Amino acid sequence: MTPERTTQIQQSFAAQNMMKSFGASLDHLDDGSCHLSAPILEGNRQQHGFGHAALTFGLGDTAAGYAAMTLMPPDHDVLTAEIKINLLSPAKADRLVAQGQVLRAGRRLITVEAKVWGITGTQRKLVAVLLGTMVPVPISAAPAAT
């Protein structure tokens, strides 16, 4: 991945309002790989005090999407076509780390996975696994924000 593409992806991530509201950070980018993390803020907890599944899903989907983007040409973005999540454990942690990875990059479909870990101190527990499909789209064809 070129330095220009890295910068382009970092700028794209910085424009994600939902990730901003989660307090998420882009921690690692490499060809076919992306790691994100976010604290489990009070506003992102469900009624039992665990991190909400929407936080887990959002981080996993976004990490998987940016992992796919690392393999795209600079004039392309990706959109999620479908993604499933298996919630393995409550997100009872201080923060979540999502590790997205490309399993197979085709011309029309990119198969991705993400693992989301709950982290408290040195304790690490697998919270969720996601499996999905991303679709490459030319940036000029990507839906504009309204």
N, C-alpha and C. Protein backbone atom coordinates (compact mmCIF):
# COMPACT_ATOMS: atom_id res chain seq x y z
N MET A 1 0.85 -1.17 0.00
CA MET A 1 0.00 0.00 0.00
C MET A 1 0.90 1.24 0.00
N THR A 2 0.56 2.17 -0.85
CA THR A 2 1.38 3.38 -0.95
C THR A 2 1.10 4.33 0.22
N PRO A 3 2.05 5.21 0.51
CA PRO A 3 1.80 6.22 1.55
C PRO A 3 0.59 7.10 1.21
N GLU A 4 0.39 7.37 -0.08
CA GLU A 4 -0.76 8.18 -0.49
C GLU A 4 -2.08 7.47 -0.17
N ARG A 5 -2.11 6.16 -0.42
CA ARG A 5 -3.33 5.39 -0.13
C ARG A 5 -3.56 5.33 1.38
N THR A 6 -2.50 5.18 2.14
CA THR A 6 -2.63 5.18 3.60
C THR A 6 -3.25 6.50 4.07
N THR A 7 -2.76 7.61 3.55
CA THR A 7 -3.30 8.93 3.90
C THR A 7 -4.75 9.05 3.48
N GLN A 8 -5.08 8.56 2.30
CA GLN A 8 -6.45 8.61 1.80
C GLN A 8 -7.39 7.84 2.74
N ILE A 9 -6.97 6.66 3.18
CA ILE A 9 -7.80 5.85 4.08
C ILE A 9 -7.91 6.53 5.45
N GLN A 10 -6.82 7.10 5.94
CA GLN A 10 -6.87 7.82 7.22
C GLN A 10 -7.84 9.00 7.15
N GLN A 11 -7.85 9.71 6.03
CA GLN A 11 -8.77 10.83 5.86
C GLN A 11 -10.22 10.34 5.78
N SER A 12 -10.43 9.23 5.11
CA SER A 12 -11.77 8.64 5.03
C SER A 12 -12.26 8.26 6.42
N PHE A 13 -11.40 7.62 7.20
CA PHE A 13 -11.77 7.23 8.57
C PHE A 13 -12.10 8.45 9.41
N ALA A 14 -11.30 9.50 9.28
CA ALA A 14 -11.52 10.73 10.06
C ALA A 14 -12.86 11.39 9.73
N ALA A 15 -13.42 11.09 8.56
CA ALA A 15 -14.70 11.67 8.15
C ALA A 15 -15.90 10.83 8.62
N GLN A 16 -15.66 9.73 9.29
CA GLN A 16 -16.73 8.84 9.75
C GLN A 16 -17.31 9.35 11.07
N ASN A 17 -18.47 9.97 10.99
CA ASN A 17 -19.08 10.56 12.19
C ASN A 17 -19.42 9.51 13.25
N MET A 18 -19.87 8.33 12.84
CA MET A 18 -20.20 7.32 13.83
C MET A 18 -18.95 6.88 14.59
N MET A 19 -17.84 6.72 13.88
CA MET A 19 -16.60 6.34 14.56
C MET A 19 -16.16 7.44 15.52
N LYS A 20 -16.37 8.71 15.13
CA LYS A 20 -16.06 9.82 16.04
C LYS A 20 -16.90 9.72 17.30
N SER A 21 -18.20 9.42 17.13
CA SER A 21 -19.08 9.34 18.31
C SER A 21 -18.69 8.18 19.22
N PHE A 22 -18.08 7.13 18.66
CA PHE A 22 -17.60 6.01 19.46
C PHE A 22 -16.26 6.32 20.13
N GLY A 23 -15.58 7.39 19.70
CA GLY A 23 -14.24 7.67 20.19
C GLY A 23 -13.22 6.71 19.61
N ALA A 24 -13.51 6.18 18.42
CA ALA A 24 -12.67 5.14 17.79
C ALA A 24 -11.41 5.73 17.18
N SER A 25 -10.38 4.90 17.12
CA SER A 25 -9.12 5.30 16.47
C SER A 25 -8.70 4.22 15.49
N LEU A 26 -8.02 4.66 14.45
CA LEU A 26 -7.44 3.77 13.44
C LEU A 26 -6.02 3.48 13.90
N ASP A 27 -5.77 2.24 14.31
CA ASP A 27 -4.51 1.90 14.95
C ASP A 27 -3.50 1.22 14.04
N HIS A 28 -3.97 0.56 12.98
CA HIS A 28 -3.05 -0.21 12.14
C HIS A 28 -3.67 -0.38 10.76
N LEU A 29 -2.85 -0.17 9.73
CA LEU A 29 -3.24 -0.43 8.34
C LEU A 29 -2.11 -1.16 7.66
N ASP A 30 -2.46 -2.18 6.91
CA ASP A 30 -1.50 -2.91 6.09
C ASP A 30 -2.29 -3.52 4.95
N ASP A 31 -1.63 -4.06 3.96
CA ASP A 31 -2.35 -4.68 2.85
C ASP A 31 -3.27 -5.77 3.37
N GLY A 32 -4.58 -5.57 3.20
CA GLY A 32 -5.56 -6.56 3.60
C GLY A 32 -5.86 -6.60 5.08
N SER A 33 -5.43 -5.60 5.85
CA SER A 33 -5.59 -5.63 7.30
C SER A 33 -5.84 -4.23 7.86
N CYS A 34 -6.72 -4.16 8.87
CA CYS A 34 -7.01 -2.90 9.55
C CYS A 34 -7.39 -3.20 10.99
N HIS A 35 -6.83 -2.44 11.92
CA HIS A 35 -7.18 -2.57 13.34
C HIS A 35 -7.73 -1.23 13.83
N LEU A 36 -8.86 -1.29 14.51
CA LEU A 36 -9.49 -0.13 15.12
C LEU A 36 -9.67 -0.40 16.61
N SER A 37 -9.79 0.65 17.39
CA SER A 37 -10.12 0.47 18.81
C SER A 37 -11.00 1.61 19.27
N ALA A 38 -11.75 1.34 20.33
CA ALA A 38 -12.61 2.37 20.92
C ALA A 38 -12.85 2.05 22.38
N PRO A 39 -12.87 3.09 23.21
CA PRO A 39 -13.26 2.87 24.61
C PRO A 39 -14.75 2.54 24.64
N ILE A 40 -15.17 1.80 25.64
CA ILE A 40 -16.61 1.58 25.81
C ILE A 40 -17.12 2.72 26.69
N LEU A 41 -17.59 3.75 26.03
CA LEU A 41 -18.07 4.96 26.70
C LEU A 41 -19.44 4.69 27.33
N GLU A 42 -19.80 5.50 28.30
CA GLU A 42 -21.09 5.33 28.98
C GLU A 42 -22.25 5.30 27.99
N GLY A 43 -22.21 6.17 26.99
CA GLY A 43 -23.28 6.23 25.99
C GLY A 43 -23.32 5.06 25.03
N ASN A 44 -22.31 4.20 25.07
CA ASN A 44 -22.25 3.02 24.19
C ASN A 44 -22.52 1.72 24.94
N ARG A 45 -23.03 1.85 26.16
CA ARG A 45 -23.32 0.65 26.96
C ARG A 45 -24.81 0.34 26.89
N GLN A 46 -25.13 -0.95 26.97
CA GLN A 46 -26.53 -1.34 27.02
C GLN A 46 -27.00 -1.38 28.47
N GLN A 47 -28.22 -1.83 28.69
CA GLN A 47 -28.84 -1.71 30.02
C GLN A 47 -28.15 -2.49 31.12
N HIS A 48 -27.33 -3.49 30.78
CA HIS A 48 -26.62 -4.27 31.79
C HIS A 48 -25.18 -3.78 32.01
N GLY A 49 -24.82 -2.70 31.31
CA GLY A 49 -23.50 -2.12 31.50
C GLY A 49 -22.44 -2.62 30.54
N PHE A 50 -22.78 -3.58 29.68
CA PHE A 50 -21.82 -4.09 28.70
C PHE A 50 -21.79 -3.15 27.49
N GLY A 51 -20.72 -3.25 26.71
CA GLY A 51 -20.69 -2.53 25.44
C GLY A 51 -21.84 -3.03 24.57
N HIS A 52 -22.56 -2.11 23.94
CA HIS A 52 -23.71 -2.47 23.11
C HIS A 52 -23.25 -3.23 21.87
N ALA A 53 -24.08 -4.16 21.41
CA ALA A 53 -23.76 -4.94 20.21
C ALA A 53 -23.59 -4.03 18.99
N ALA A 54 -24.28 -2.89 18.96
CA ALA A 54 -24.13 -1.96 17.84
C ALA A 54 -22.71 -1.40 17.78
N LEU A 55 -22.10 -1.17 18.92
CA LEU A 55 -20.70 -0.73 18.97
C LEU A 55 -19.80 -1.83 18.43
N THR A 56 -20.01 -3.05 18.89
CA THR A 56 -19.22 -4.19 18.43
C THR A 56 -19.36 -4.36 16.93
N PHE A 57 -20.59 -4.34 16.44
CA PHE A 57 -20.84 -4.51 15.01
C PHE A 57 -20.22 -3.37 14.20
N GLY A 58 -20.44 -2.14 14.64
CA GLY A 58 -19.90 -0.99 13.91
C GLY A 58 -18.40 -1.02 13.78
N LEU A 59 -17.71 -1.35 14.86
CA LEU A 59 -16.24 -1.44 14.81
C LEU A 59 -15.79 -2.57 13.89
N GLY A 60 -16.44 -3.74 14.01
CA GLY A 60 -16.06 -4.88 13.18
C GLY A 60 -16.29 -4.63 11.70
N ASP A 61 -17.46 -4.09 11.36
CA ASP A 61 -17.78 -3.78 9.97
C ASP A 61 -16.81 -2.76 9.40
N THR A 62 -16.51 -1.74 10.17
CA THR A 62 -15.61 -0.68 9.70
C THR A 62 -14.18 -1.20 9.53
N ALA A 63 -13.70 -2.00 10.46
CA ALA A 63 -12.35 -2.58 10.34
C ALA A 63 -12.27 -3.48 9.11
N ALA A 64 -13.30 -4.29 8.88
CA ALA A 64 -13.32 -5.17 7.71
C ALA A 64 -13.36 -4.35 6.42
N GLY A 65 -14.16 -3.28 6.41
CA GLY A 65 -14.26 -2.44 5.23
C GLY A 65 -12.95 -1.75 4.88
N TYR A 66 -12.28 -1.21 5.88
CA TYR A 66 -10.99 -0.56 5.60
C TYR A 66 -9.91 -1.57 5.25
N ALA A 67 -9.99 -2.78 5.77
CA ALA A 67 -9.06 -3.83 5.34
C ALA A 67 -9.23 -4.07 3.84
N ALA A 68 -10.48 -4.12 3.39
CA ALA A 68 -10.76 -4.29 1.96
C ALA A 68 -10.26 -3.10 1.15
N MET A 69 -10.46 -1.90 1.68
CA MET A 69 -10.04 -0.69 0.96
C MET A 69 -8.54 -0.65 0.72
N THR A 70 -7.76 -1.27 1.61
CA THR A 70 -6.31 -1.25 1.43
C THR A 70 -5.89 -1.94 0.14
N LEU A 71 -6.74 -2.79 -0.40
CA LEU A 71 -6.41 -3.53 -1.62
C LEU A 71 -7.03 -2.91 -2.87
N MET A 72 -7.75 -1.82 -2.71
CA MET A 72 -8.42 -1.16 -3.83
C MET A 72 -7.50 -0.10 -4.45
N PRO A 73 -7.72 0.18 -5.74
CA PRO A 73 -6.99 1.31 -6.34
C PRO A 73 -7.46 2.62 -5.71
N PRO A 74 -6.67 3.69 -5.84
CA PRO A 74 -7.00 4.95 -5.16
C PRO A 74 -8.34 5.56 -5.57
N ASP A 75 -8.86 5.20 -6.74
CA ASP A 75 -10.13 5.78 -7.19
C ASP A 75 -11.34 4.92 -6.80
N HIS A 76 -11.12 3.96 -5.89
CA HIS A 76 -12.21 3.09 -5.46
C HIS A 76 -12.37 3.09 -3.94
N ASP A 77 -13.60 2.90 -3.53
CA ASP A 77 -13.98 2.74 -2.13
C ASP A 77 -14.65 1.37 -2.05
N VAL A 78 -15.17 1.01 -0.91
CA VAL A 78 -15.95 -0.23 -0.79
C VAL A 78 -17.22 0.07 0.00
N LEU A 79 -18.24 -0.72 -0.26
CA LEU A 79 -19.47 -0.69 0.52
C LEU A 79 -19.76 -2.10 1.00
N THR A 80 -20.36 -2.22 2.15
CA THR A 80 -20.73 -3.53 2.67
C THR A 80 -21.94 -4.03 1.91
N ALA A 81 -21.82 -5.23 1.31
CA ALA A 81 -22.96 -5.87 0.64
C ALA A 81 -23.74 -6.70 1.65
N GLU A 82 -23.02 -7.44 2.48
CA GLU A 82 -23.65 -8.21 3.56
C GLU A 82 -22.59 -8.52 4.59
N ILE A 83 -23.05 -8.65 5.83
CA ILE A 83 -22.11 -9.01 6.89
C ILE A 83 -22.92 -9.63 8.03
N LYS A 84 -22.38 -10.68 8.60
CA LYS A 84 -23.05 -11.32 9.74
C LYS A 84 -22.12 -11.25 10.94
N ILE A 85 -22.73 -11.33 12.10
CA ILE A 85 -21.96 -11.26 13.33
C ILE A 85 -22.37 -12.42 14.23
N ASN A 86 -21.39 -13.02 14.84
CA ASN A 86 -21.61 -13.98 15.92
C ASN A 86 -21.10 -13.32 17.19
N LEU A 87 -22.02 -13.01 18.09
CA LEU A 87 -21.65 -12.44 19.38
C LEU A 87 -21.31 -13.59 20.31
N LEU A 88 -20.06 -13.66 20.74
CA LEU A 88 -19.56 -14.80 21.49
C LEU A 88 -19.56 -14.58 22.99
N SER A 89 -19.47 -13.32 23.39
CA SER A 89 -19.35 -13.01 24.81
C SER A 89 -19.80 -11.56 25.01
N PRO A 90 -20.39 -11.23 26.16
CA PRO A 90 -20.72 -9.82 26.41
C PRO A 90 -19.46 -8.96 26.37
N ALA A 91 -19.61 -7.76 25.88
CA ALA A 91 -18.48 -6.81 25.80
C ALA A 91 -18.29 -6.16 27.16
N LYS A 92 -17.90 -6.97 28.13
CA LYS A 92 -17.66 -6.49 29.50
C LYS A 92 -16.17 -6.16 29.57
N ALA A 93 -15.82 -4.94 29.18
CA ALA A 93 -14.42 -4.54 29.05
C ALA A 93 -14.33 -3.02 29.12
N ASP A 94 -13.10 -2.52 29.13
CA ASP A 94 -12.88 -1.07 29.10
C ASP A 94 -12.88 -0.54 27.67
N ARG A 95 -12.40 -1.37 26.74
CA ARG A 95 -12.35 -0.94 25.34
C ARG A 95 -12.47 -2.15 24.44
N LEU A 96 -12.76 -1.89 23.17
CA LEU A 96 -12.85 -2.93 22.15
C LEU A 96 -11.78 -2.69 21.10
N VAL A 97 -11.23 -3.78 20.59
CA VAL A 97 -10.29 -3.74 19.47
C VAL A 97 -10.86 -4.61 18.37
N ALA A 98 -11.00 -4.05 17.17
CA ALA A 98 -11.50 -4.79 16.02
C ALA A 98 -10.36 -4.99 15.03
N GLN A 99 -10.18 -6.23 14.61
CA GLN A 99 -9.12 -6.58 13.65
C GLN A 99 -9.78 -7.11 12.39
N GLY A 100 -9.78 -6.29 11.34
CA GLY A 100 -10.36 -6.67 10.06
C GLY A 100 -9.31 -7.26 9.15
N GLN A 101 -9.74 -8.24 8.36
CA GLN A 101 -8.80 -8.91 7.45
C GLN A 101 -9.54 -9.35 6.19
N VAL A 102 -8.86 -9.24 5.06
CA VAL A 102 -9.40 -9.73 3.80
C VAL A 102 -9.09 -11.22 3.68
N LEU A 103 -10.12 -12.01 3.41
CA LEU A 103 -9.93 -13.44 3.18
C LEU A 103 -9.69 -13.74 1.71
N ARG A 104 -10.43 -13.04 0.84
CA ARG A 104 -10.24 -13.19 -0.60
C ARG A 104 -10.71 -11.91 -1.29
N ALA A 105 -9.86 -11.39 -2.14
CA ALA A 105 -10.20 -10.18 -2.90
C ALA A 105 -10.40 -10.54 -4.36
N GLY A 106 -11.65 -10.54 -4.79
CA GLY A 106 -11.96 -10.74 -6.20
C GLY A 106 -12.17 -9.40 -6.88
N ARG A 107 -12.48 -9.44 -8.17
CA ARG A 107 -12.71 -8.18 -8.89
C ARG A 107 -14.02 -7.52 -8.48
N ARG A 108 -15.04 -8.34 -8.19
CA ARG A 108 -16.36 -7.79 -7.90
C ARG A 108 -16.78 -7.94 -6.44
N LEU A 109 -16.21 -8.92 -5.75
CA LEU A 109 -16.57 -9.17 -4.36
C LEU A 109 -15.31 -9.39 -3.53
N ILE A 110 -15.32 -8.88 -2.31
CA ILE A 110 -14.19 -9.04 -1.40
C ILE A 110 -14.74 -9.68 -0.12
N THR A 111 -14.26 -10.87 0.19
CA THR A 111 -14.69 -11.57 1.39
C THR A 111 -13.79 -11.15 2.55
N VAL A 112 -14.43 -10.73 3.63
CA VAL A 112 -13.70 -10.18 4.78
C VAL A 112 -14.16 -10.84 6.08
N GLU A 113 -13.30 -10.72 7.09
CA GLU A 113 -13.70 -11.13 8.43
C GLU A 113 -13.17 -10.09 9.41
N ALA A 114 -13.78 -10.06 10.56
CA ALA A 114 -13.27 -9.21 11.64
C ALA A 114 -13.47 -9.95 12.95
N LYS A 115 -12.51 -9.78 13.82
CA LYS A 115 -12.62 -10.28 15.19
C LYS A 115 -12.61 -9.06 16.10
N VAL A 116 -13.51 -9.06 17.07
CA VAL A 116 -13.60 -7.95 18.01
C VAL A 116 -13.29 -8.48 19.40
N TRP A 117 -12.31 -7.87 20.02
CA TRP A 117 -11.82 -8.29 21.34
C TRP A 117 -12.20 -7.25 22.38
N GLY A 118 -12.59 -7.70 23.56
CA GLY A 118 -12.77 -6.83 24.71
C GLY A 118 -11.47 -6.79 25.50
N ILE A 119 -11.02 -5.60 25.85
CA ILE A 119 -9.74 -5.43 26.54
C ILE A 119 -9.97 -4.69 27.86
N THR A 120 -9.45 -5.26 28.93
CA THR A 120 -9.40 -4.59 30.24
C THR A 120 -8.02 -4.89 30.82
N GLY A 121 -7.21 -3.84 30.95
CA GLY A 121 -5.83 -4.04 31.43
C GLY A 121 -5.10 -4.97 30.47
N THR A 122 -4.57 -6.08 31.00
CA THR A 122 -3.88 -7.06 30.16
C THR A 122 -4.80 -8.21 29.76
N GLN A 123 -6.05 -8.18 30.23
CA GLN A 123 -7.02 -9.23 29.89
C GLN A 123 -7.61 -8.96 28.51
N ARG A 124 -7.72 -10.02 27.72
CA ARG A 124 -8.26 -9.90 26.36
C ARG A 124 -9.23 -11.06 26.14
N LYS A 125 -10.46 -10.74 25.68
CA LYS A 125 -11.46 -11.77 25.47
C LYS A 125 -12.14 -11.54 24.12
N LEU A 126 -12.29 -12.61 23.34
CA LEU A 126 -12.96 -12.51 22.05
C LEU A 126 -14.46 -12.29 22.28
N VAL A 127 -14.96 -11.19 21.74
CA VAL A 127 -16.35 -10.79 21.93
C VAL A 127 -17.21 -11.18 20.73
N ALA A 128 -16.66 -11.04 19.52
CA ALA A 128 -17.46 -11.29 18.32
C ALA A 128 -16.58 -11.62 17.13
N VAL A 129 -17.19 -12.34 16.19
CA VAL A 129 -16.57 -12.64 14.90
C VAL A 129 -17.57 -12.23 13.82
N LEU A 130 -17.09 -11.50 12.82
CA LEU A 130 -17.93 -11.08 11.71
C LEU A 130 -17.39 -11.68 10.42
N LEU A 131 -18.27 -11.99 9.49
CA LEU A 131 -17.90 -12.49 8.17
C LEU A 131 -18.78 -11.76 7.17
N GLY A 132 -18.16 -11.20 6.14
CA GLY A 132 -18.96 -10.42 5.21
C GLY A 132 -18.37 -10.30 3.83
N THR A 133 -19.10 -9.53 3.02
CA THR A 133 -18.73 -9.28 1.64
C THR A 133 -18.76 -7.79 1.38
N MET A 134 -17.67 -7.28 0.84
CA MET A 134 -17.58 -5.88 0.44
C MET A 134 -17.62 -5.81 -1.08
N VAL A 135 -18.15 -4.70 -1.59
CA VAL A 135 -18.24 -4.48 -3.03
C VAL A 135 -17.42 -3.24 -3.38
N PRO A 136 -16.47 -3.38 -4.32
CA PRO A 136 -15.72 -2.20 -4.76
C PRO A 136 -16.62 -1.25 -5.55
N VAL A 137 -16.50 0.04 -5.30
CA VAL A 137 -17.25 1.05 -6.06
C VAL A 137 -16.31 2.19 -6.40
N PRO A 138 -16.42 2.71 -7.64
CA PRO A 138 -15.62 3.90 -7.96
C PRO A 138 -16.03 5.04 -7.03
N ILE A 139 -15.08 5.82 -6.58
CA ILE A 139 -15.38 6.91 -5.65
C ILE A 139 -16.44 7.84 -6.23
N SER A 140 -16.41 8.09 -7.53
CA SER A 140 -17.40 8.98 -8.15
C SER A 140 -18.81 8.38 -8.08
N ALA A 141 -18.93 7.04 -7.92
CA ALA A 141 -20.24 6.39 -7.86
C ALA A 141 -20.71 6.16 -6.43
N ALA A 142 -19.84 6.40 -5.46
CA ALA A 142 -20.22 6.17 -4.06
C ALA A 142 -21.31 7.17 -3.67
N PRO A 143 -22.29 6.74 -2.88
CA PRO A 143 -23.35 7.66 -2.47
C PRO A 143 -22.77 8.86 -1.71
N ALA A 144 -23.26 10.03 -2.02
CA ALA A 144 -22.79 11.24 -1.34
C ALA A 144 -23.52 11.40 -0.02
N ALA A 145 -22.84 11.95 0.95
CA ALA A 145 -23.47 12.24 2.24
C ALA A 145 -24.46 13.38 2.06
N THR A 146 -25.58 13.30 2.75
CA THR A 146 -26.58 14.37 2.63
C THR A 146 -26.73 15.10 3.93
